[in-house]
């Protein structure tokens, strides 16, 4: 679908005032990056701590922008602008207006851990039957969700969008913008507990996804999560639970088998049992698949096509990508970290090792700080140290001040201190890394995004060429 909104529509949507442009001019796109200007688009000038889009207003018009949305009091002369109170709010208002042009179902996904992988799994299933739009990467915030909506076209038959948050009110705004008819919540963990104070508050913030859910919408929840299962009966929506441990779940995985590079499991649907295969390792991906199966059923996709969608799923970006290099096997999982995802990473390390049948290989874990855990931080890192022992890690490398608690905890649990190495920054680790790791090692690289452990993964990869 060609854009059908005019500058007048945009002006009204964001409650702004249009200057030096014709209100009947058609808008062809909306961008927030002046480097992505295309002919006939609108440039929304956002301002942050280290950038100010207002500096690029003239450049954007010269490059073809039909108008710029601004909230600065600067004199822009004869440039075409829409002046608003707040450009962030305007961006969301424009996105909401554009979304209203599409009468298609939207699936919204949130959760403390696994929302991106679950979104990708759901997309893989939906794509078997529909032309589907999805959130690219982790464009899941007040900027990313609007930019995803602006990618909608008449070809799209369904959309699956990821929603993230760091505090109260954020998911509520996104949900009211998207107006989903299906909402999926993966789990309630410790991510962002530093800001929200408790898991009960994290649950409350995640449940804001209901604020825009259609009155006849469905809520799909992880029934093995005690916080999410407690919601049962408390919300006015058709609520469907999935799980592997709670037999009261509506969709329950049985005969679960996990291998170094895949998993299989059975589920009973309408009294018939079906087998599913996921071609990546990790228990968490089984949960993702269960959410995707329910979503597929909700949208009348045949079981055979759902099976195909689950089988075709592959993780994206820096999330548990397994790289078989010349001298090492890397499990690159550098995007984010929480106690739950650290556990998943160590499980994958163990299964990757078990699948190689070569006892000369070592299991090496390079683990960095888990951020934004607040008062739970020290204990959470201590718990990860215990997990390193439980999963039989042979060599433990930690990066960061908080991560040293992982090292000390592992040693206190009996880990050989001669195989524990503590660093406080990536540069120091790089200096000694190749003195520590050995050819044939299977190496898990896992830490919060702010720790930039992809630098270590890239360093290893570059030195294997």
Foldseek 3Di string as FASTA:
>chain_A
DFQDAFLLNLCVLQVWAKALADRRQTAGFEDADLVPADARHEHEFADDPPDTRVVCQVVSVVRHHREYEEQDPDPPDNGIYTHHPHSLSSLLSVLLVLLVVDPAAEEEEEEDPDRQLLQLLLCLLVVLPAQEFEQDDCLAWSNSLSNSSRPDDPRGRYYYYYHDDLAAPTLLSSLLSNLHQEYEYEEQAQANCLPQVDSLSSLVRSVSNCNRHDQAGEYEYACVHPNRVVCPPVDNYHYAYEYAPDPVGPWYWPPWDFALQKIKTWTADPNDIDIAIARGGFPSLVSSLRSSVVSSVVVPHDPVSSRVSRHPGDDDDQCQDWDDFPFEIERGHEAADDLVVLLRLLVSLLRNVVNVPDVVAFREEEEEAHPNNNPCRLVSLLVSLVSCVVSRHQAYEYEADSNVSSVVSVVVVPHDNVRYHYYHAPVVCLVCVVVRDGGRYYYYYYHGNVRVSVVVVVSVRVVRD
